[in-house]
């Protein structure tokens, strides 16, 4: 249950015999009881967890000390002119790619679910820590967490053509 779904009645009907300090004490105790019962539900985060496995099939050439960057983005699917927000990022530096060998590695990405939001993931492999040039990437728009909070996803990274 999200905080927006939490509802506290604005009007409390009390017996007419209560007034003054007794009325205030009763209202205070009632409000405290309602908060104690429902606030943990309202504050409970819907955690999202993605176990992303990336594969580079038989690399054409060997590369040393590449940097892998995976990003998880959140966006509002109803707003086309608003940029997505990065909600998690994993960077791995110093990875080696060997020619003719298949490389497979896993990356964990996490976030808290927001109402009315969708999510997608990107992965890029850069030749160095400066991350100006891209060597490999996920081809296409990779949406995640559609109808679920935990997901295992396997993607094949494509080489950037020059």
N, C-alpha and C. Protein backbone atom coordinates (compact mmCIF):
# COMPACT_ATOMS: atom_id res chain seq x y z
N UNK A 1 0.86 -1.18 0.00
CA UNK A 1 0.00 0.00 0.00
C UNK A 1 0.90 1.24 0.00
N UNK A 2 0.63 2.17 -0.82
CA UNK A 2 1.44 3.37 -0.92
C UNK A 2 0.94 4.44 0.02
N UNK A 3 1.81 5.45 0.37
CA UNK A 3 1.37 6.54 1.24
C UNK A 3 0.17 7.29 0.67
N UNK A 4 0.03 7.33 -0.67
CA UNK A 4 -1.10 8.02 -1.25
C UNK A 4 -2.40 7.26 -0.97
N UNK A 5 -2.30 5.95 -0.75
CA UNK A 5 -3.47 5.14 -0.48
C UNK A 5 -3.91 5.19 0.97
N UNK A 6 -3.10 5.79 1.82
CA UNK A 6 -3.41 5.89 3.24
C UNK A 6 -4.49 6.95 3.44
N UNK A 7 -5.56 6.62 4.16
CA UNK A 7 -6.66 7.55 4.35
C UNK A 7 -7.04 7.62 5.82
N UNK A 8 -7.03 8.79 6.39
CA UNK A 8 -7.45 9.01 7.77
C UNK A 8 -8.72 9.85 7.72
N UNK A 9 -9.84 9.34 8.28
CA UNK A 9 -11.09 10.11 8.21
C UNK A 9 -10.92 11.50 8.80
N UNK A 10 -11.40 12.49 8.08
CA UNK A 10 -11.27 13.88 8.52
C UNK A 10 -12.30 14.22 9.58
N UNK A 11 -13.41 13.53 9.59
CA UNK A 11 -14.48 13.84 10.54
C UNK A 11 -14.69 12.63 11.44
N UNK A 12 -14.60 12.84 12.72
CA UNK A 12 -14.82 11.78 13.70
C UNK A 12 -16.03 12.15 14.52
N UNK A 13 -17.03 11.31 14.50
CA UNK A 13 -18.26 11.58 15.26
C UNK A 13 -18.09 10.97 16.65
N UNK A 14 -18.20 11.80 17.66
CA UNK A 14 -18.01 11.36 19.04
C UNK A 14 -19.28 11.60 19.84
N UNK A 15 -19.48 10.84 20.89
CA UNK A 15 -20.65 11.08 21.74
C UNK A 15 -20.65 12.50 22.29
N UNK A 16 -21.82 13.07 22.42
CA UNK A 16 -21.95 14.46 22.87
C UNK A 16 -21.50 14.65 24.31
N UNK A 17 -21.48 13.58 25.10
CA UNK A 17 -21.12 13.71 26.52
C UNK A 17 -19.64 14.04 26.70
N UNK A 18 -18.81 13.75 25.70
CA UNK A 18 -17.38 14.03 25.82
C UNK A 18 -17.10 15.46 25.39
N UNK A 19 -16.28 16.13 26.19
CA UNK A 19 -15.87 17.48 25.82
C UNK A 19 -14.57 17.81 26.54
N UNK A 20 -13.92 18.87 26.12
CA UNK A 20 -12.71 19.35 26.78
C UNK A 20 -11.57 18.35 26.71
N UNK A 21 -10.91 18.14 27.88
CA UNK A 21 -9.73 17.28 27.95
C UNK A 21 -10.03 15.83 27.60
N UNK A 22 -11.20 15.34 28.01
CA UNK A 22 -11.57 13.96 27.70
C UNK A 22 -11.71 13.76 26.19
N UNK A 23 -12.31 14.74 25.52
CA UNK A 23 -12.48 14.66 24.08
C UNK A 23 -11.12 14.68 23.37
N UNK A 24 -10.25 15.61 23.80
CA UNK A 24 -8.92 15.71 23.20
C UNK A 24 -8.13 14.41 23.41
N UNK A 25 -8.22 13.85 24.61
CA UNK A 25 -7.49 12.61 24.90
C UNK A 25 -8.02 11.46 24.05
N UNK A 26 -9.33 11.39 23.89
CA UNK A 26 -9.92 10.31 23.10
C UNK A 26 -9.52 10.44 21.62
N UNK A 27 -9.58 11.66 21.09
CA UNK A 27 -9.20 11.89 19.69
C UNK A 27 -7.72 11.57 19.50
N UNK A 28 -6.89 12.00 20.44
CA UNK A 28 -5.45 11.75 20.35
C UNK A 28 -5.18 10.24 20.37
N UNK A 29 -5.81 9.51 21.28
CA UNK A 29 -5.61 8.06 21.37
C UNK A 29 -6.11 7.34 20.12
N UNK A 30 -7.26 7.81 19.59
CA UNK A 30 -7.80 7.20 18.38
C UNK A 30 -6.85 7.42 17.20
N UNK A 31 -6.38 8.64 17.05
CA UNK A 31 -5.47 8.96 15.95
C UNK A 31 -4.17 8.16 16.08
N UNK A 32 -3.66 8.04 17.29
CA UNK A 32 -2.44 7.27 17.53
C UNK A 32 -2.65 5.79 17.18
N UNK A 33 -3.80 5.26 17.57
CA UNK A 33 -4.11 3.86 17.26
C UNK A 33 -4.19 3.64 15.76
N UNK A 34 -4.85 4.55 15.05
CA UNK A 34 -4.96 4.43 13.59
C UNK A 34 -3.58 4.50 12.94
N UNK A 35 -2.75 5.44 13.39
CA UNK A 35 -1.40 5.57 12.83
C UNK A 35 -0.57 4.32 13.10
N UNK A 36 -0.65 3.79 14.31
CA UNK A 36 0.11 2.59 14.65
C UNK A 36 -0.32 1.39 13.81
N UNK A 37 -1.60 1.31 13.51
CA UNK A 37 -2.10 0.17 12.73
C UNK A 37 -1.78 0.27 11.24
N UNK A 38 -1.91 1.47 10.67
CA UNK A 38 -1.83 1.60 9.22
C UNK A 38 -0.55 2.21 8.68
N UNK A 39 0.20 2.93 9.48
CA UNK A 39 1.40 3.59 8.97
C UNK A 39 2.46 2.61 8.48
N UNK A 40 2.69 1.48 9.17
CA UNK A 40 3.68 0.55 8.61
C UNK A 40 3.32 0.08 7.20
N UNK A 41 2.05 -0.10 6.93
CA UNK A 41 1.62 -0.48 5.58
C UNK A 41 1.87 0.64 4.59
N UNK A 42 1.62 1.86 5.01
CA UNK A 42 1.78 3.01 4.12
C UNK A 42 3.25 3.27 3.81
N UNK A 43 4.14 2.99 4.75
CA UNK A 43 5.55 3.28 4.55
C UNK A 43 6.33 2.12 3.93
N UNK A 44 5.70 0.98 3.81
CA UNK A 44 6.38 -0.19 3.27
C UNK A 44 6.76 0.06 1.82
N UNK A 45 8.04 -0.09 1.52
CA UNK A 45 8.53 0.15 0.17
C UNK A 45 8.34 -1.10 -0.68
N UNK A 46 7.92 -0.91 -1.89
CA UNK A 46 7.84 -2.00 -2.85
C UNK A 46 9.19 -2.06 -3.56
N UNK A 47 10.10 -2.87 -3.06
CA UNK A 47 11.44 -2.93 -3.62
C UNK A 47 11.46 -3.70 -4.93
N UNK A 48 12.21 -3.17 -5.88
CA UNK A 48 12.41 -3.80 -7.18
C UNK A 48 13.81 -4.37 -7.21
N UNK A 49 13.95 -5.55 -7.74
CA UNK A 49 15.25 -6.21 -7.79
C UNK A 49 15.43 -6.87 -9.15
N UNK A 50 16.50 -6.48 -9.83
CA UNK A 50 16.79 -7.02 -11.16
C UNK A 50 18.14 -7.73 -11.12
N UNK A 51 18.15 -8.99 -11.50
CA UNK A 51 19.39 -9.74 -11.67
C UNK A 51 19.65 -9.78 -13.18
N UNK A 52 20.53 -8.92 -13.63
CA UNK A 52 20.79 -8.74 -15.06
C UNK A 52 22.03 -9.53 -15.46
N UNK A 53 21.88 -10.45 -16.38
CA UNK A 53 23.01 -11.22 -16.90
C UNK A 53 23.29 -10.76 -18.33
N UNK A 54 24.52 -10.30 -18.55
CA UNK A 54 24.93 -9.80 -19.86
C UNK A 54 25.88 -10.79 -20.50
N UNK A 55 25.75 -10.94 -21.82
CA UNK A 55 26.58 -11.88 -22.56
C UNK A 55 27.15 -11.19 -23.79
N UNK A 56 28.47 -11.37 -23.98
CA UNK A 56 29.13 -10.93 -25.21
C UNK A 56 29.58 -12.20 -25.92
N UNK A 57 28.93 -12.57 -27.03
CA UNK A 57 29.31 -13.80 -27.72
C UNK A 57 30.57 -13.61 -28.55
N UNK A 58 31.55 -14.43 -28.30
CA UNK A 58 32.79 -14.47 -29.08
C UNK A 58 33.27 -13.10 -29.57
N UNK A 59 33.89 -12.38 -28.67
CA UNK A 59 34.41 -11.05 -28.98
C UNK A 59 35.40 -11.11 -30.15
N UNK A 60 35.39 -10.09 -30.97
CA UNK A 60 36.26 -10.04 -32.15
C UNK A 60 37.72 -9.77 -31.77
N UNK A 61 37.93 -8.92 -30.74
CA UNK A 61 39.30 -8.62 -30.33
C UNK A 61 39.38 -8.55 -28.81
N UNK A 62 40.58 -8.74 -28.31
CA UNK A 62 40.81 -8.68 -26.86
C UNK A 62 40.87 -7.23 -26.40
N UNK A 63 40.30 -6.99 -25.24
CA UNK A 63 40.31 -5.65 -24.64
C UNK A 63 40.63 -5.79 -23.16
N UNK A 64 41.48 -4.92 -22.67
CA UNK A 64 41.84 -4.95 -21.25
C UNK A 64 41.27 -3.72 -20.54
N UNK A 65 40.93 -3.92 -19.29
CA UNK A 65 40.47 -2.83 -18.40
C UNK A 65 39.29 -2.05 -18.95
N UNK A 66 38.30 -2.75 -19.49
CA UNK A 66 37.10 -2.05 -19.95
C UNK A 66 36.22 -1.71 -18.75
N UNK A 67 35.32 -0.76 -18.94
CA UNK A 67 34.39 -0.35 -17.89
C UNK A 67 32.96 -0.68 -18.33
N UNK A 68 32.25 -1.39 -17.45
CA UNK A 68 30.86 -1.75 -17.70
C UNK A 68 29.98 -0.82 -16.88
N UNK A 69 28.97 -0.23 -17.51
CA UNK A 69 28.04 0.65 -16.80
C UNK A 69 26.62 0.19 -17.10
N UNK A 70 25.91 -0.18 -16.03
CA UNK A 70 24.49 -0.56 -16.15
C UNK A 70 23.67 0.47 -15.40
N UNK A 71 22.60 0.93 -16.02
CA UNK A 71 21.73 1.93 -15.39
C UNK A 71 20.28 1.47 -15.44
N UNK A 72 19.58 1.73 -14.34
CA UNK A 72 18.14 1.46 -14.26
C UNK A 72 17.44 2.80 -14.25
N UNK A 73 16.49 2.98 -15.16
CA UNK A 73 15.77 4.24 -15.28
C UNK A 73 14.29 4.05 -14.97
N UNK A 74 13.71 5.12 -14.44
CA UNK A 74 12.27 5.17 -14.15
C UNK A 74 11.68 6.27 -15.03
N UNK A 75 10.51 6.00 -15.62
CA UNK A 75 9.88 7.02 -16.45
C UNK A 75 8.37 6.94 -16.34
N UNK A 76 7.72 8.05 -16.67
CA UNK A 76 6.27 8.10 -16.67
C UNK A 76 5.80 7.78 -18.09
N UNK A 77 5.15 6.65 -18.29
CA UNK A 77 4.75 6.26 -19.65
C UNK A 77 3.69 7.17 -20.26
N UNK A 78 3.07 8.03 -19.45
CA UNK A 78 2.03 8.93 -19.98
C UNK A 78 2.59 10.28 -20.40
N UNK A 79 3.86 10.54 -20.10
CA UNK A 79 4.47 11.82 -20.45
C UNK A 79 5.62 11.60 -21.43
N UNK A 80 5.42 11.96 -22.67
CA UNK A 80 6.42 11.72 -23.70
C UNK A 80 7.55 12.75 -23.69
N UNK A 81 7.30 13.93 -23.13
CA UNK A 81 8.30 14.99 -23.20
C UNK A 81 9.07 15.19 -21.90
N UNK A 82 9.09 14.19 -21.03
CA UNK A 82 9.82 14.28 -19.76
C UNK A 82 10.91 13.21 -19.77
N UNK A 83 12.12 13.60 -19.39
CA UNK A 83 13.24 12.67 -19.37
C UNK A 83 13.07 11.62 -18.28
N UNK A 84 13.64 10.46 -18.50
CA UNK A 84 13.64 9.40 -17.49
C UNK A 84 14.61 9.78 -16.37
N UNK A 85 14.40 9.18 -15.20
CA UNK A 85 15.24 9.43 -14.04
C UNK A 85 16.06 8.19 -13.74
N UNK A 86 17.36 8.36 -13.59
CA UNK A 86 18.22 7.24 -13.21
C UNK A 86 17.96 6.90 -11.74
N UNK A 87 17.61 5.64 -11.45
CA UNK A 87 17.32 5.24 -10.07
C UNK A 87 18.37 4.29 -9.50
N UNK A 88 19.19 3.69 -10.35
CA UNK A 88 20.30 2.86 -9.87
C UNK A 88 21.35 2.78 -10.96
N UNK A 89 22.60 2.58 -10.52
CA UNK A 89 23.71 2.52 -11.45
C UNK A 89 24.76 1.58 -10.87
N UNK A 90 25.29 0.69 -11.71
CA UNK A 90 26.37 -0.21 -11.32
C UNK A 90 27.51 0.00 -12.31
N UNK A 91 28.72 0.24 -11.77
CA UNK A 91 29.91 0.43 -12.61
C UNK A 91 30.95 -0.62 -12.20
N UNK A 92 31.45 -1.34 -13.20
CA UNK A 92 32.52 -2.30 -12.96
C UNK A 92 33.69 -1.90 -13.84
N UNK A 93 34.82 -1.61 -13.22
CA UNK A 93 36.01 -1.21 -13.97
C UNK A 93 37.04 -2.34 -13.94
N UNK A 94 37.90 -2.37 -14.95
CA UNK A 94 38.99 -3.33 -14.97
C UNK A 94 38.64 -4.70 -15.51
N UNK A 95 37.54 -4.83 -16.22
CA UNK A 95 37.15 -6.13 -16.78
C UNK A 95 37.90 -6.36 -18.09
N UNK A 96 38.28 -7.62 -18.34
CA UNK A 96 38.97 -7.97 -19.58
C UNK A 96 38.06 -8.79 -20.48
N UNK A 97 38.17 -8.52 -21.78
CA UNK A 97 37.43 -9.27 -22.79
C UNK A 97 38.47 -9.98 -23.67
N UNK A 98 38.31 -11.30 -23.85
CA UNK A 98 39.28 -12.07 -24.64
C UNK A 98 38.69 -12.42 -26.00
N UNK A 99 39.49 -12.24 -27.03
CA UNK A 99 39.05 -12.52 -28.41
C UNK A 99 38.66 -13.99 -28.56
N UNK A 100 37.55 -14.23 -29.26
CA UNK A 100 37.10 -15.58 -29.53
C UNK A 100 36.41 -16.26 -28.37
N UNK A 101 36.33 -15.62 -27.23
CA UNK A 101 35.70 -16.19 -26.04
C UNK A 101 34.38 -15.48 -25.76
N UNK A 102 33.43 -16.24 -25.20
CA UNK A 102 32.16 -15.66 -24.78
C UNK A 102 32.32 -15.18 -23.34
N UNK A 103 31.90 -13.96 -23.10
CA UNK A 103 31.97 -13.39 -21.75
C UNK A 103 30.55 -13.24 -21.22
N UNK A 104 30.34 -13.69 -19.99
CA UNK A 104 29.03 -13.55 -19.36
C UNK A 104 29.25 -13.07 -17.93
N UNK A 105 28.47 -12.08 -17.52
CA UNK A 105 28.59 -11.53 -16.17
C UNK A 105 27.22 -11.05 -15.70
N UNK A 106 27.06 -10.97 -14.38
CA UNK A 106 25.78 -10.56 -13.79
C UNK A 106 25.93 -9.26 -13.03
N UNK A 107 24.87 -8.48 -13.06
CA UNK A 107 24.83 -7.19 -12.37
C UNK A 107 23.52 -7.07 -11.60
N UNK A 108 23.56 -6.67 -10.33
CA UNK A 108 22.32 -6.46 -9.58
C UNK A 108 21.89 -5.00 -9.65
N UNK A 109 20.63 -4.75 -9.92
CA UNK A 109 20.08 -3.39 -9.92
C UNK A 109 18.84 -3.37 -9.04
N UNK A 110 18.69 -2.30 -8.26
CA UNK A 110 17.58 -2.21 -7.30
C UNK A 110 16.97 -0.81 -7.32
N UNK A 111 15.71 -0.73 -6.93
CA UNK A 111 15.02 0.56 -6.80
C UNK A 111 13.76 0.35 -5.98
N UNK A 112 13.14 1.45 -5.61
CA UNK A 112 11.84 1.40 -4.96
C UNK A 112 10.79 1.75 -6.00
N UNK A 113 9.73 0.93 -6.06
CA UNK A 113 8.69 1.16 -7.06
C UNK A 113 7.95 2.46 -6.75
N UNK A 114 7.74 3.24 -7.77
CA UNK A 114 6.94 4.46 -7.67
C UNK A 114 5.63 4.22 -8.42
N UNK A 115 4.58 4.85 -7.95
CA UNK A 115 3.28 4.68 -8.61
C UNK A 115 3.30 5.22 -10.02
N UNK A 116 2.61 4.54 -10.91
CA UNK A 116 2.43 4.97 -12.30
C UNK A 116 3.75 5.16 -13.04
N UNK A 117 4.75 4.39 -12.71
CA UNK A 117 6.04 4.51 -13.38
C UNK A 117 6.40 3.19 -14.04
N UNK A 118 7.15 3.29 -15.11
CA UNK A 118 7.70 2.13 -15.79
C UNK A 118 9.22 2.22 -15.71
N UNK A 119 9.89 1.11 -16.05
CA UNK A 119 11.34 1.03 -15.86
C UNK A 119 12.00 0.41 -17.08
N UNK A 120 13.24 0.83 -17.34
CA UNK A 120 14.03 0.19 -18.38
C UNK A 120 15.50 0.21 -17.96
N UNK A 121 16.28 -0.65 -18.60
CA UNK A 121 17.68 -0.80 -18.23
C UNK A 121 18.56 -0.58 -19.46
N UNK A 122 19.74 0.00 -19.23
CA UNK A 122 20.75 0.15 -20.28
C UNK A 122 22.07 -0.42 -19.78
N UNK A 123 22.86 -0.93 -20.70
CA UNK A 123 24.21 -1.40 -20.38
C UNK A 123 25.13 -0.95 -21.51
N UNK A 124 26.25 -0.38 -21.13
CA UNK A 124 27.28 0.00 -22.10
C UNK A 124 28.62 -0.50 -21.60
N UNK A 125 29.47 -0.90 -22.53
CA UNK A 125 30.85 -1.25 -22.19
C UNK A 125 31.73 -0.23 -22.89
N UNK A 126 32.59 0.40 -22.09
CA UNK A 126 33.48 1.46 -22.57
C UNK A 126 34.92 0.95 -22.52
N UNK A 127 35.80 1.45 -23.41
CA UNK A 127 37.19 0.97 -23.43
C UNK A 127 38.01 1.43 -22.23
N UNK A 128 37.55 2.45 -21.52
CA UNK A 128 38.31 2.97 -20.38
C UNK A 128 37.36 3.61 -19.37
N UNK A 129 37.93 4.15 -18.30
CA UNK A 129 37.12 4.75 -17.24
C UNK A 129 36.54 6.10 -17.62
N UNK A 130 37.04 6.72 -18.69
CA UNK A 130 36.51 8.02 -19.11
C UNK A 130 35.10 7.90 -19.69
N UNK A 131 34.77 6.74 -20.22
CA UNK A 131 33.43 6.40 -20.72
C UNK A 131 32.94 7.32 -21.84
N UNK A 132 33.85 7.79 -22.69
CA UNK A 132 33.44 8.65 -23.80
C UNK A 132 33.04 7.83 -25.03
N UNK A 133 33.72 6.71 -25.22
CA UNK A 133 33.45 5.85 -26.38
C UNK A 133 32.71 4.60 -25.90
N UNK A 134 31.86 4.04 -26.75
CA UNK A 134 31.12 2.83 -26.41
C UNK A 134 31.55 1.68 -27.32
N UNK A 135 31.75 0.51 -26.71
CA UNK A 135 32.14 -0.68 -27.47
C UNK A 135 30.98 -1.64 -27.66
N UNK A 136 30.18 -1.85 -26.60
CA UNK A 136 29.04 -2.76 -26.62
C UNK A 136 27.85 -2.09 -25.94
N UNK A 137 26.63 -2.56 -26.28
CA UNK A 137 25.42 -1.98 -25.71
C UNK A 137 24.26 -2.97 -25.83
N UNK A 138 23.17 -2.70 -25.10
CA UNK A 138 21.93 -3.46 -25.28
C UNK A 138 21.23 -2.85 -26.48
N UNK A 139 20.94 -3.66 -27.46
CA UNK A 139 20.27 -3.17 -28.66
C UNK A 139 18.76 -3.12 -28.40
N UNK A 140 18.18 -1.94 -28.48
CA UNK A 140 16.74 -1.80 -28.29
C UNK A 140 16.37 -1.29 -26.91
N UNK A 141 15.11 -1.01 -26.75
CA UNK A 141 14.54 -0.48 -25.51
C UNK A 141 14.19 -1.66 -24.62
N UNK A 142 14.88 -1.81 -23.49
CA UNK A 142 14.72 -2.99 -22.64
C UNK A 142 13.92 -2.66 -21.39
N UNK A 143 12.58 -2.80 -21.49
CA UNK A 143 11.71 -2.54 -20.33
C UNK A 143 11.83 -3.69 -19.33
N UNK A 144 11.72 -3.37 -18.04
CA UNK A 144 11.77 -4.37 -16.97
C UNK A 144 10.67 -4.08 -15.96
N UNK A 145 10.42 -5.03 -15.08
CA UNK A 145 9.45 -4.92 -13.98
C UNK A 145 8.03 -4.67 -14.48
N UNK A 146 7.66 -5.29 -15.58
CA UNK A 146 6.28 -5.16 -16.06
C UNK A 146 5.43 -6.22 -15.37
N UNK A 147 4.71 -5.79 -14.34
CA UNK A 147 3.85 -6.69 -13.60
C UNK A 147 4.55 -7.53 -12.55
N UNK A 148 5.81 -7.25 -12.28
CA UNK A 148 6.54 -7.99 -11.25
C UNK A 148 7.59 -7.10 -10.61
N UNK A 149 7.98 -7.46 -9.38
CA UNK A 149 8.95 -6.68 -8.62
C UNK A 149 10.35 -7.27 -8.65
N UNK A 150 10.45 -8.55 -8.97
CA UNK A 150 11.75 -9.21 -9.07
C UNK A 150 11.86 -9.82 -10.45
N UNK A 151 13.04 -9.68 -11.03
CA UNK A 151 13.19 -10.18 -12.39
C UNK A 151 14.62 -10.64 -12.62
N UNK A 152 14.77 -11.72 -13.36
CA UNK A 152 16.06 -12.17 -13.87
C UNK A 152 16.00 -11.99 -15.38
N UNK A 153 16.96 -11.27 -15.90
CA UNK A 153 16.94 -10.93 -17.32
C UNK A 153 18.29 -11.26 -17.93
N UNK A 154 18.28 -11.92 -19.08
CA UNK A 154 19.51 -12.21 -19.82
C UNK A 154 19.46 -11.41 -21.12
N UNK A 155 20.53 -10.66 -21.37
CA UNK A 155 20.61 -9.87 -22.60
C UNK A 155 21.94 -10.15 -23.29
N UNK A 156 21.92 -10.06 -24.60
CA UNK A 156 23.14 -10.20 -25.38
C UNK A 156 23.55 -8.81 -25.83
N UNK A 157 24.77 -8.43 -25.51
CA UNK A 157 25.27 -7.11 -25.88
C UNK A 157 25.77 -7.14 -27.32
N UNK A 158 25.50 -6.07 -28.03
CA UNK A 158 25.91 -5.93 -29.43
C UNK A 158 27.11 -5.00 -29.52
N UNK A 159 27.99 -5.29 -30.46
CA UNK A 159 29.14 -4.43 -30.70
C UNK A 159 28.68 -3.17 -31.42
N UNK A 160 29.27 -2.04 -31.05
CA UNK A 160 28.98 -0.78 -31.73
C UNK A 160 29.69 -0.81 -33.08
N UNK A 161 28.95 -0.59 -34.15
CA UNK A 161 29.58 -0.59 -35.48
C UNK A 161 30.17 0.78 -35.75
N UNK A 162 31.34 0.76 -36.35
CA UNK A 162 32.04 2.03 -36.61
C UNK A 162 32.18 2.28 -38.07
